[in-house]
Amino acid sequence: MYIDLADLLWLTLVCGIMLHWWKAQQVKEIALKEVRQQCKLMDLQLLDQSIALRGFWLKRDDSGRLRVWRSYTFAFSSTGDDRYEGRVSLLGRKITGFQLETHRI
């Protein structure tokens, strides 16, 4: 059995995409855990129990290494009657920002 170079390239590409997706899911779980924790501390309701990827790009960290910067949005409520948006950002696996819209307390 012979493996064609094109087949090997496609297999490598598919494996690379799967690895990227798996690592992205791990980072998303880190972000979701932080959002849940912050909402609990501030006595807010996390609506839909989920976050959504807003954007990503490459950025250098404090040590100069190239990392993937990701920004996620989520919906929360302070009273249960309203809906506000928040944002959490990560550089690699490290939380770099947590922002909430102005909301009623």
PDB file of N, CA and C in Angstrom:
ATOM      1  N   MET A   1       0.843  -1.177   0.000  1.00  0.00           N
ATOM      2  CA  MET A   1       0.000   0.000   0.000  1.00  0.00           C
ATOM      3  C   MET A   1       0.891   1.244   0.000  1.00  0.00           C
ATOM      4  N   TYR A   2       0.611   2.134  -0.895  1.00  0.00           N
ATOM      5  CA  TYR A   2       1.370   3.374  -1.018  1.00  0.00           C
ATOM      6  C   TYR A   2       0.485   4.548  -0.609  1.00  0.00           C
ATOM      7  N   ILE A   3       1.099   5.518   0.047  1.00  0.00           N
ATOM      8  CA  ILE A   3       0.390   6.733   0.432  1.00  0.00           C
ATOM      9  C   ILE A   3       0.889   7.853  -0.467  1.00  0.00           C
ATOM     10  N   ASP A   4      -0.043   8.448  -1.139  1.00  0.00           N
ATOM     11  CA  ASP A   4       0.266   9.563  -2.022  1.00  0.00           C
ATOM     12  C   ASP A   4       0.596  10.796  -1.172  1.00  0.00           C
ATOM     13  N   LEU A   5       1.463  11.652  -1.660  1.00  0.00           N
ATOM     14  CA  LEU A   5       1.849  12.862  -0.932  1.00  0.00           C
ATOM     15  C   LEU A   5       0.646  13.782  -0.707  1.00  0.00           C
ATOM     16  N   ALA A   6      -0.257  13.848  -1.661  1.00  0.00           N
ATOM     17  CA  ALA A   6      -1.459  14.676  -1.518  1.00  0.00           C
ATOM     18  C   ALA A   6      -2.351  14.142  -0.402  1.00  0.00           C
ATOM     19  N   ASP A   7      -2.459  12.820  -0.303  1.00  0.00           N
ATOM     20  CA  ASP A   7      -3.257  12.221   0.774  1.00  0.00           C
ATOM     21  C   ASP A   7      -2.648  12.521   2.144  1.00  0.00           C
ATOM     22  N   LEU A   8      -1.352  12.453   2.205  1.00  0.00           N
ATOM     23  CA  LEU A   8      -0.655  12.765   3.453  1.00  0.00           C
ATOM     24  C   LEU A   8      -0.858  14.225   3.841  1.00  0.00           C
ATOM     25  N   LEU A   9      -0.845  15.108   2.867  1.00  0.00           N
ATOM     26  CA  LEU A   9      -1.092  16.522   3.121  1.00  0.00           C
ATOM     27  C   LEU A   9      -2.506  16.750   3.653  1.00  0.00           C
ATOM     28  N   TRP A  10      -3.491  16.107   3.036  1.00  0.00           N
ATOM     29  CA  TRP A  10      -4.879  16.251   3.493  1.00  0.00           C
ATOM     30  C   TRP A  10      -5.063  15.689   4.898  1.00  0.00           C
ATOM     31  N   LEU A  11      -4.438  14.556   5.168  1.00  0.00           N
ATOM     32  CA  LEU A  11      -4.533  13.959   6.496  1.00  0.00           C
ATOM     33  C   LEU A  11      -3.918  14.882   7.555  1.00  0.00           C
ATOM     34  N   THR A  12      -2.791  15.467   7.242  1.00  0.00           N
ATOM     35  CA  THR A  12      -2.137  16.407   8.159  1.00  0.00           C
ATOM     36  C   THR A  12      -3.005  17.638   8.382  1.00  0.00           C
ATOM     37  N   LEU A  13      -3.602  18.139   7.316  1.00  0.00           N
ATOM     38  CA  LEU A  13      -4.478  19.308   7.416  1.00  0.00           C
ATOM     39  C   LEU A  13      -5.694  19.015   8.283  1.00  0.00           C
ATOM     40  N   VAL A  14      -6.326  17.879   8.079  1.00  0.00           N
ATOM     41  CA  VAL A  14      -7.501  17.506   8.870  1.00  0.00           C
ATOM     42  C   VAL A  14      -7.123  17.329  10.344  1.00  0.00           C
ATOM     43  N   CYS A  15      -5.994  16.670  10.602  1.00  0.00           N
ATOM     44  CA  CYS A  15      -5.534  16.500  11.989  1.00  0.00           C
ATOM     45  C   CYS A  15      -5.224  17.846  12.641  1.00  0.00           C
ATOM     46  N   GLY A  16      -4.640  18.763  11.893  1.00  0.00           N
ATOM     47  CA  GLY A  16      -4.345  20.099  12.413  1.00  0.00           C
ATOM     48  C   GLY A  16      -5.607  20.870  12.759  1.00  0.00           C
ATOM     49  N   ILE A  17      -6.604  20.774  11.915  1.00  0.00           N
ATOM     50  CA  ILE A  17      -7.882  21.448  12.176  1.00  0.00           C
ATOM     51  C   ILE A  17      -8.562  20.856  13.410  1.00  0.00           C
ATOM     52  N   MET A  18      -8.531  19.538  13.526  1.00  0.00           N
ATOM     53  CA  MET A  18      -9.140  18.888  14.694  1.00  0.00           C
ATOM     54  C   MET A  18      -8.419  19.279  15.984  1.00  0.00           C
ATOM     55  N   LEU A  19      -7.103  19.357  15.949  1.00  0.00           N
ATOM     56  CA  LEU A  19      -6.328  19.760  17.117  1.00  0.00           C
ATOM     57  C   LEU A  19      -6.646  21.207  17.512  1.00  0.00           C
ATOM     58  N   HIS A  20      -6.735  22.086  16.509  1.00  0.00           N
ATOM     59  CA  HIS A  20      -7.079  23.484  16.781  1.00  0.00           C
ATOM     60  C   HIS A  20      -8.467  23.576  17.407  1.00  0.00           C
ATOM     61  N   TRP A  21      -9.441  22.842  16.889  1.00  0.00           N
ATOM     62  CA  TRP A  21     -10.806  22.869  17.415  1.00  0.00           C
ATOM     63  C   TRP A  21     -10.824  22.372  18.860  1.00  0.00           C
ATOM     64  N   TRP A  22     -10.079  21.288  19.143  1.00  0.00           N
ATOM     65  CA  TRP A  22     -10.044  20.723  20.478  1.00  0.00           C
ATOM     66  C   TRP A  22      -9.451  21.714  21.475  1.00  0.00           C
ATOM     67  N   LYS A  23      -8.357  22.352  21.105  1.00  0.00           N
ATOM     68  CA  LYS A  23      -7.731  23.344  21.988  1.00  0.00           C
ATOM     69  C   LYS A  23      -8.631  24.570  22.161  1.00  0.00           C
ATOM     70  N   ALA A  24      -9.328  24.975  21.104  1.00  0.00           N
ATOM     71  CA  ALA A  24     -10.250  26.105  21.191  1.00  0.00           C
ATOM     72  C   ALA A  24     -11.396  25.798  22.152  1.00  0.00           C
ATOM     73  N   GLN A  25     -11.852  24.555  22.182  1.00  0.00           N
ATOM     74  CA  GLN A  25     -12.911  24.168  23.106  1.00  0.00           C
ATOM     75  C   GLN A  25     -12.408  24.230  24.549  1.00  0.00           C
ATOM     76  N   GLN A  26     -11.158  23.859  24.782  1.00  0.00           N
ATOM     77  CA  GLN A  26     -10.585  23.950  26.126  1.00  0.00           C
ATOM     78  C   GLN A  26     -10.514  25.404  26.590  1.00  0.00           C
ATOM     79  N   VAL A  27     -10.100  26.291  25.707  1.00  0.00           N
ATOM     80  CA  VAL A  27     -10.018  27.715  26.052  1.00  0.00           C
ATOM     81  C   VAL A  27     -11.417  28.275  26.298  1.00  0.00           C
ATOM     82  N   LYS A  28     -12.388  27.843  25.519  1.00  0.00           N
ATOM     83  CA  LYS A  28     -13.766  28.296  25.712  1.00  0.00           C
ATOM     84  C   LYS A  28     -14.292  27.857  27.082  1.00  0.00           C
ATOM     85  N   GLU A  29     -13.941  26.664  27.509  1.00  0.00           N
ATOM     86  CA  GLU A  29     -14.344  26.194  28.834  1.00  0.00           C
ATOM     87  C   GLU A  29     -13.718  27.036  29.944  1.00  0.00           C
ATOM     88  N   ILE A  30     -12.473  27.433  29.764  1.00  0.00           N
ATOM     89  CA  ILE A  30     -11.807  28.310  30.734  1.00  0.00           C
ATOM     90  C   ILE A  30     -12.552  29.642  30.827  1.00  0.00           C
ATOM     91  N   ALA A  31     -12.907  30.196  29.677  1.00  0.00           N
ATOM     92  CA  ALA A  31     -13.624  31.471  29.643  1.00  0.00           C
ATOM     93  C   ALA A  31     -15.002  31.343  30.282  1.00  0.00           C
ATOM     94  N   LEU A  32     -15.709  30.266  29.977  1.00  0.00           N
ATOM     95  CA  LEU A  32     -17.048  30.062  30.540  1.00  0.00           C
ATOM     96  C   LEU A  32     -16.982  29.901  32.055  1.00  0.00           C
ATOM     97  N   LYS A  33     -15.984  29.213  32.551  1.00  0.00           N
ATOM     98  CA  LYS A  33     -15.814  29.052  33.994  1.00  0.00           C
ATOM     99  C   LYS A  33     -15.582  30.406  34.665  1.00  0.00           C
ATOM    100  N   GLU A  34     -14.750  31.255  34.042  1.00  0.00           N
ATOM    101  CA  GLU A  34     -14.486  32.598  34.579  1.00  0.00           C
ATOM    102  C   GLU A  34     -15.760  33.445  34.576  1.00  0.00           C
ATOM    103  N   VAL A  35     -16.533  33.370  33.501  1.00  0.00           N
ATOM    104  CA  VAL A  35     -17.773  34.145  33.409  1.00  0.00           C
ATOM    105  C   VAL A  35     -18.748  33.700  34.495  1.00  0.00           C
ATOM    106  N   ARG A  36     -18.899  32.403  34.674  1.00  0.00           N
ATOM    107  CA  ARG A  36     -19.798  31.893  35.724  1.00  0.00           C
ATOM    108  C   ARG A  36     -19.351  32.365  37.103  1.00  0.00           C
ATOM    109  N   GLN A  37     -18.050  32.309  37.340  1.00  0.00           N
ATOM    110  CA  GLN A  37     -17.499  32.728  38.626  1.00  0.00           C
ATOM    111  C   GLN A  37     -17.751  34.216  38.877  1.00  0.00           C
ATOM    112  N   GLN A  38     -17.478  35.051  37.890  1.00  0.00           N
ATOM    113  CA  GLN A  38     -17.667  36.491  38.044  1.00  0.00           C
ATOM    114  C   GLN A  38     -19.148  36.843  38.221  1.00  0.00           C
ATOM    115  N   CYS A  39     -20.018  36.184  37.467  1.00  0.00           N
ATOM    116  CA  CYS A  39     -21.456  36.443  37.613  1.00  0.00           C
ATOM    117  C   CYS A  39     -21.932  36.053  39.004  1.00  0.00           C
ATOM    118  N   LYS A  40     -21.429  34.959  39.517  1.00  0.00           N
ATOM    119  CA  LYS A  40     -21.808  34.532  40.861  1.00  0.00           C
ATOM    120  C   LYS A  40     -21.319  35.543  41.907  1.00  0.00           C
ATOM    121  N   LEU A  41     -20.079  36.032  41.760  1.00  0.00           N
ATOM    122  CA  LEU A  41     -19.534  37.014  42.701  1.00  0.00           C
ATOM    123  C   LEU A  41     -20.316  38.323  42.684  1.00  0.00           C
ATOM    124  N   MET A  42     -20.793  38.729  41.506  1.00  0.00           N
ATOM    125  CA  MET A  42     -21.494  40.005  41.367  1.00  0.00           C
ATOM    126  C   MET A  42     -23.009  39.847  41.480  1.00  0.00           C
ATOM    127  N   ASP A  43     -23.468  38.649  41.812  1.00  0.00           N
ATOM    128  CA  ASP A  43     -24.892  38.349  41.966  1.00  0.00           C
ATOM    129  C   ASP A  43     -25.659  38.650  40.675  1.00  0.00           C
ATOM    130  N   LEU A  44     -25.141  38.168  39.559  1.00  0.00           N
ATOM    131  CA  LEU A  44     -25.771  38.328  38.252  1.00  0.00           C
ATOM    132  C   LEU A  44     -26.169  36.964  37.708  1.00  0.00           C
ATOM    133  N   GLN A  45     -27.156  36.963  36.830  1.00  0.00           N
ATOM    134  CA  GLN A  45     -27.578  35.737  36.165  1.00  0.00           C
ATOM    135  C   GLN A  45     -26.903  35.639  34.808  1.00  0.00           C
ATOM    136  N   LEU A  46     -26.247  34.525  34.545  1.00  0.00           N
ATOM    137  CA  LEU A  46     -25.697  34.268  33.218  1.00  0.00           C
ATOM    138  C   LEU A  46     -26.831  33.688  32.381  1.00  0.00           C
ATOM    139  N   LEU A  47     -27.249  34.423  31.379  1.00  0.00           N
ATOM    140  CA  LEU A  47     -28.350  33.971  30.539  1.00  0.00           C
ATOM    141  C   LEU A  47     -27.846  32.995  29.484  1.00  0.00           C
ATOM    142  N   ASP A  48     -28.646  32.044  29.138  1.00  0.00           N
ATOM    143  CA  ASP A  48     -28.361  31.026  28.117  1.00  0.00           C
ATOM    144  C   ASP A  48     -27.239  30.081  28.537  1.00  0.00           C
ATOM    145  N   GLN A  49     -26.570  30.330  29.640  1.00  0.00           N
ATOM    146  CA  GLN A  49     -25.480  29.484  30.133  1.00  0.00           C
ATOM    147  C   GLN A  49     -24.426  29.201  29.073  1.00  0.00           C
ATOM    148  N   SER A  50     -24.150  30.205  28.232  1.00  0.00           N
ATOM    149  CA  SER A  50     -23.174  30.007  27.161  1.00  0.00           C
ATOM    150  C   SER A  50     -22.463  31.315  26.833  1.00  0.00           C
ATOM    151  N   ILE A  51     -21.378  31.169  26.086  1.00  0.00           N
ATOM    152  CA  ILE A  51     -20.635  32.314  25.575  1.00  0.00           C
ATOM    153  C   ILE A  51     -20.447  32.100  24.080  1.00  0.00           C
ATOM    154  N   ALA A  52     -20.214  33.188  23.364  1.00  0.00           N
ATOM    155  CA  ALA A  52     -20.043  33.108  21.906  1.00  0.00           C
ATOM    156  C   ALA A  52     -18.744  33.795  21.509  1.00  0.00           C
ATOM    157  N   LEU A  53     -18.014  33.177  20.602  1.00  0.00           N
ATOM    158  CA  LEU A  53     -16.766  33.744  20.116  1.00  0.00           C
ATOM    159  C   LEU A  53     -17.066  35.012  19.327  1.00  0.00           C
ATOM    160  N   ARG A  54     -16.451  36.100  19.733  1.00  0.00           N
ATOM    161  CA  ARG A  54     -16.644  37.389  19.065  1.00  0.00           C
ATOM    162  C   ARG A  54     -15.545  37.625  18.030  1.00  0.00           C
ATOM    163  N   GLY A  55     -14.317  37.229  18.363  1.00  0.00           N
ATOM    164  CA  GLY A  55     -13.210  37.426  17.441  1.00  0.00           C
ATOM    165  C   GLY A  55     -11.933  36.838  17.984  1.00  0.00           C
ATOM    166  N   PHE A  56     -10.966  36.644  17.095  1.00  0.00           N
ATOM    167  CA  PHE A  56      -9.662  36.138  17.513  1.00  0.00           C
ATOM    168  C   PHE A  56      -8.608  36.590  16.518  1.00  0.00           C
ATOM    169  N   TRP A  57      -7.383  36.726  17.015  1.00  0.00           N
ATOM    170  CA  TRP A  57      -6.234  37.011  16.164  1.00  0.00           C
ATOM    171  C   TRP A  57      -4.969  36.721  16.959  1.00  0.00           C
ATOM    172  N   LEU A  58      -3.843  36.824  16.282  1.00  0.00           N
ATOM    173  CA  LEU A  58      -2.558  36.549  16.938  1.00  0.00           C
ATOM    174  C   LEU A  58      -2.044  37.809  17.617  1.00  0.00           C
ATOM    175  N   LYS A  59      -1.491  37.629  18.803  1.00  0.00           N
ATOM    176  CA  LYS A  59      -0.977  38.746  19.581  1.00  0.00           C
ATOM    177  C   LYS A  59       0.162  38.233  20.458  1.00  0.00           C
ATOM    178  N   ARG A  60       1.107  39.077  20.773  1.00  0.00           N
ATOM    179  CA  ARG A  60       2.237  38.679  21.618  1.00  0.00           C
ATOM    180  C   ARG A  60       1.903  38.871  23.090  1.00  0.00           C
ATOM    181  N   ASP A  61       2.346  37.926  23.912  1.00  0.00           N
ATOM    182  CA  ASP A  61       2.142  38.048  25.353  1.00  0.00           C
ATOM    183  C   ASP A  61       3.283  38.852  25.979  1.00  0.00           C
ATOM    184  N   ASP A  62       3.331  38.912  27.309  1.00  0.00           N
ATOM    185  CA  ASP A  62       4.343  39.710  28.016  1.00  0.00           C
ATOM    186  C   ASP A  62       5.767  39.239  27.745  1.00  0.00           C
ATOM    187  N   SER A  63       5.936  37.952  27.491  1.00  0.00           N
ATOM    188  CA  SER A  63       7.275  37.428  27.229  1.00  0.00           C
ATOM    189  C   SER A  63       7.653  37.468  25.752  1.00  0.00           C
ATOM    190  N   GLY A  64       6.761  37.981  24.911  1.00  0.00           N
ATOM    191  CA  GLY A  64       7.053  38.122  23.488  1.00  0.00           C
ATOM    192  C   GLY A  64       6.644  36.934  22.643  1.00  0.00           C
ATOM    193  N   ARG A  65       6.048  35.916  23.247  1.00  0.00           N
ATOM    194  CA  ARG A  65       5.606  34.744  22.488  1.00  0.00           C
ATOM    195  C   ARG A  65       4.286  35.021  21.795  1.00  0.00           C
ATOM    196  N   LEU A  66       4.135  34.490  20.608  1.00  0.00           N
ATOM    197  CA  LEU A  66       2.924  34.676  19.817  1.00  0.00           C
ATOM    198  C   LEU A  66       1.828  33.753  20.352  1.00  0.00           C
ATOM    199  N   ARG A  67       0.683  34.321  20.692  1.00  0.00           N
ATOM    200  CA  ARG A  67      -0.454  33.576  21.238  1.00  0.00           C
ATOM    201  C   ARG A  67      -1.718  33.950  20.455  1.00  0.00           C
ATOM    202  N   VAL A  68      -2.744  33.140  20.633  1.00  0.00           N
ATOM    203  CA  VAL A  68      -4.047  33.454  20.039  1.00  0.00           C
ATOM    204  C   VAL A  68      -4.835  34.253  21.067  1.00  0.00           C
ATOM    205  N   TRP A  69      -5.275  35.452  20.666  1.00  0.00           N
ATOM    206  CA  TRP A  69      -6.117  36.293  21.509  1.00  0.00           C
ATOM    207  C   TRP A  69      -7.559  36.031  21.098  1.00  0.00           C
ATOM    208  N   ARG A  70      -8.415  35.750  22.060  1.00  0.00           N
ATOM    209  CA  ARG A  70      -9.831  35.463  21.774  1.00  0.00           C
ATOM    210  C   ARG A  70     -10.714  36.359  22.620  1.00  0.00           C
ATOM    211  N   SER A  71     -11.837  36.744  22.049  1.00  0.00           N
ATOM    212  CA  SER A  71     -12.818  37.537  22.765  1.00  0.00           C
ATOM    213  C   SER A  71     -14.167  36.828  22.662  1.00  0.00           C
ATOM    214  N   TYR A  72     -14.818  36.649  23.804  1.00  0.00           N
ATOM    215  CA  TYR A  72     -16.123  35.993  23.857  1.00  0.00           C
ATOM    216  C   TYR A  72     -17.145  36.968  24.434  1.00  0.00           C
ATOM    217  N   THR A  73     -18.376  36.881  23.954  1.00  0.00           N
ATOM    218  CA  THR A  73     -19.469  37.681  24.506  1.00  0.00           C
ATOM    219  C   THR A  73     -20.457  36.755  25.201  1.00  0.00           C
ATOM    220  N   PHE A  74     -21.191  37.330  26.125  1.00  0.00           N
ATOM    221  CA  PHE A  74     -22.207  36.576  26.851  1.00  0.00           C
ATOM    222  C   PHE A  74     -23.313  37.528  27.272  1.00  0.00           C
ATOM    223  N   ALA A  75     -24.467  36.977  27.579  1.00  0.00           N
ATOM    224  CA  ALA A  75     -25.608  37.775  28.031  1.00  0.00           C
ATOM    225  C   ALA A  75     -25.823  37.517  29.519  1.00  0.00           C
ATOM    226  N   PHE A  76     -26.149  38.585  30.244  1.00  0.00           N
ATOM    227  CA  PHE A  76     -26.405  38.450  31.672  1.00  0.00           C
ATOM    228  C   PHE A  76     -27.555  39.371  32.065  1.00  0.00           C
ATOM    229  N   SER A  77     -28.087  39.129  33.245  1.00  0.00           N
ATOM    230  CA  SER A  77     -29.177  39.940  33.769  1.00  0.00           C
ATOM    231  C   SER A  77     -28.912  40.216  35.242  1.00  0.00           C
ATOM    232  N   SER A  78     -29.294  41.403  35.672  1.00  0.00           N
ATOM    233  CA  SER A  78     -29.119  41.746  37.083  1.00  0.00           C
ATOM    234  C   SER A  78     -30.414  41.570  37.870  1.00  0.00           C
ATOM    235  N   THR A  79     -31.540  41.749  37.215  1.00  0.00           N
ATOM    236  CA  THR A  79     -32.826  41.635  37.901  1.00  0.00           C
ATOM    237  C   THR A  79     -33.680  40.488  37.379  1.00  0.00           C
ATOM    238  N   GLY A  80     -33.337  39.941  36.256  1.00  0.00           N
ATOM    239  CA  GLY A  80     -34.141  38.887  35.642  1.00  0.00           C
ATOM    240  C   GLY A  80     -35.082  39.407  34.579  1.00  0.00           C
ATOM    241  N   ASP A  81     -35.292  40.730  34.552  1.00  0.00           N
ATOM    242  CA  ASP A  81     -36.198  41.333  33.575  1.00  0.00           C
ATOM    243  C   ASP A  81     -35.464  41.938  32.385  1.00  0.00           C
ATOM    244  N   ASP A  82     -34.184  42.113  32.514  1.00  0.00           N
ATOM    245  CA  ASP A  82     -33.430  42.809  31.478  1.00  0.00           C
ATOM    246  C   ASP A  82     -32.321  41.908  30.936  1.00  0.00           C
ATOM    247  N   ARG A  83     -31.701  42.376  29.866  1.00  0.00           N
ATOM    248  CA  ARG A  83     -30.638  41.599  29.224  1.00  0.00           C
ATOM    249  C   ARG A  83     -29.506  42.547  28.849  1.00  0.00           C
ATOM    250  N   TYR A  84     -28.317  42.231  29.337  1.00  0.00           N
ATOM    251  CA  TYR A  84     -27.132  43.038  29.054  1.00  0.00           C
ATOM    252  C   TYR A  84     -26.056  42.133  28.452  1.00  0.00           C
ATOM    253  N   GLU A  85     -25.053  42.776  27.868  1.00  0.00           N
ATOM    254  CA  GLU A  85     -23.975  42.014  27.255  1.00  0.00           C
ATOM    255  C   GLU A  85     -22.672  42.237  28.006  1.00  0.00           C
ATOM    256  N   GLY A  86     -21.892  41.179  28.094  1.00  0.00           N
ATOM    257  CA  GLY A  86     -20.571  41.248  28.701  1.00  0.00           C
ATOM    258  C   GLY A  86     -19.554  40.654  27.753  1.00  0.00           C
ATOM    259  N   ARG A  87     -18.301  40.866  28.074  1.00  0.00           N
ATOM    260  CA  ARG A  87     -17.222  40.357  27.225  1.00  0.00           C
ATOM    261  C   ARG A  87     -16.069  39.877  28.097  1.00  0.00           C
ATOM    262  N   VAL A  88     -15.499  38.757  27.724  1.00  0.00           N
ATOM    263  CA  VAL A  88     -14.305  38.230  28.380  1.00  0.00           C
ATOM    264  C   VAL A  88     -13.270  37.974  27.285  1.00  0.00           C
ATOM    265  N   SER A  89     -12.017  38.333  27.569  1.00  0.00           N
ATOM    266  CA  SER A  89     -10.966  38.120  26.566  1.00  0.00           C
ATOM    267  C   SER A  89      -9.833  37.314  27.196  1.00  0.00           C
ATOM    268  N   LEU A  90      -9.200  36.507  26.350  1.00  0.00           N
ATOM    269  CA  LEU A  90      -8.116  35.634  26.778  1.00  0.00           C
ATOM    270  C   LEU A  90      -6.957  35.758  25.811  1.00  0.00           C
ATOM    271  N   LEU A  91      -5.770  35.642  26.356  1.00  0.00           N
ATOM    272  CA  LEU A  91      -4.560  35.571  25.540  1.00  0.00           C
ATOM    273  C   LEU A  91      -3.942  34.214  25.846  1.00  0.00           C
ATOM    274  N   GLY A  92      -4.052  33.311  24.904  1.00  0.00           N
ATOM    275  CA  GLY A  92      -3.697  31.924  25.174  1.00  0.00           C
ATOM    276  C   GLY A  92      -4.743  31.345  26.105  1.00  0.00           C
ATOM    277  N   ARG A  93      -4.331  30.893  27.275  1.00  0.00           N
ATOM    278  CA  ARG A  93      -5.266  30.360  28.276  1.00  0.00           C
ATOM    279  C   ARG A  93      -5.429  31.306  29.466  1.00  0.00           C
ATOM    280  N   LYS A  94      -4.897  32.509  29.350  1.00  0.00           N
ATOM    281  CA  LYS A  94      -4.921  33.462  30.452  1.00  0.00           C
ATOM    282  C   LYS A  94      -6.000  34.527  30.219  1.00  0.00           C
ATOM    283  N   ILE A  95      -6.818  34.761  31.225  1.00  0.00           N
ATOM    284  CA  ILE A  95      -7.849  35.793  31.158  1.00  0.00           C
ATOM    285  C   ILE A  95      -7.161  37.150  31.189  1.00  0.00           C
ATOM    286  N   THR A  96      -7.461  37.995  30.199  1.00  0.00           N
ATOM    287  CA  THR A  96      -6.845  39.323  30.157  1.00  0.00           C
ATOM    288  C   THR A  96      -7.853  40.446  30.355  1.00  0.00           C
ATOM    289  N   GLY A  97      -9.136  40.139  30.266  1.00  0.00           N
ATOM    290  CA  GLY A  97     -10.121  41.193  30.447  1.00  0.00           C
ATOM    291  C   GLY A  97     -11.500  40.635  30.708  1.00  0.00           C
ATOM    292  N   PHE A  98     -12.269  41.391  31.487  1.00  0.00           N
ATOM    293  CA  PHE A  98     -13.665  41.039  31.792  1.00  0.00           C
ATOM    294  C   PHE A  98     -14.437  42.343  31.860  1.00  0.00           C
ATOM    295  N   GLN A  99     -15.402  42.519  30.965  1.00  0.00           N
ATOM    296  CA  GLN A  99     -16.149  43.780  30.900  1.00  0.00           C
ATOM    297  C   GLN A  99     -17.646  43.493  30.896  1.00  0.00           C
ATOM    298  N   LEU A 100     -18.373  44.369  31.571  1.00  0.00           N
ATOM    299  CA  LEU A 100     -19.832  44.282  31.617  1.00  0.00           C
ATOM    300  C   LEU A 100     -20.434  45.599  31.173  1.00  0.00           C
ATOM    301  N   GLU A 101     -21.553  45.525  30.474  1.00  0.00           N
ATOM    302  CA  GLU A 101     -22.288  46.753  30.144  1.00  0.00           C
ATOM    303  C   GLU A 101     -22.803  47.366  31.440  1.00  0.00           C
ATOM    304  N   THR A 102     -23.051  48.649  31.416  1.00  0.00           N
ATOM    305  CA  THR A 102     -23.663  49.308  32.559  1.00  0.00           C
ATOM    306  C   THR A 102     -25.031  48.684  32.781  1.00  0.00           C
ATOM    307  N   HIS A 103     -25.296  48.260  34.004  1.00  0.00           N
ATOM    308  CA  HIS A 103     -26.531  47.547  34.293  1.00  0.00           C
ATOM    309  C   HIS A 103     -27.127  48.011  35.611  1.00  0.00           C
ATOM    310  N   ARG A 104     -28.386  47.690  35.783  1.00  0.00           N
ATOM    311  CA  ARG A 104     -29.106  48.015  37.007  1.00  0.00           C
ATOM    312  C   ARG A 104     -28.671  47.086  38.131  1.00  0.00           C
ATOM    313  N   ILE A 105     -28.558  47.619  39.325  1.00  0.00           N
ATOM    314  CA  ILE A 105     -28.164  46.793  40.473  1.00  0.00           C
ATOM    315  C   ILE A 105     -29.370  46.551  41.350  1.00  0.00           C
TER     316      ILE A 105
END
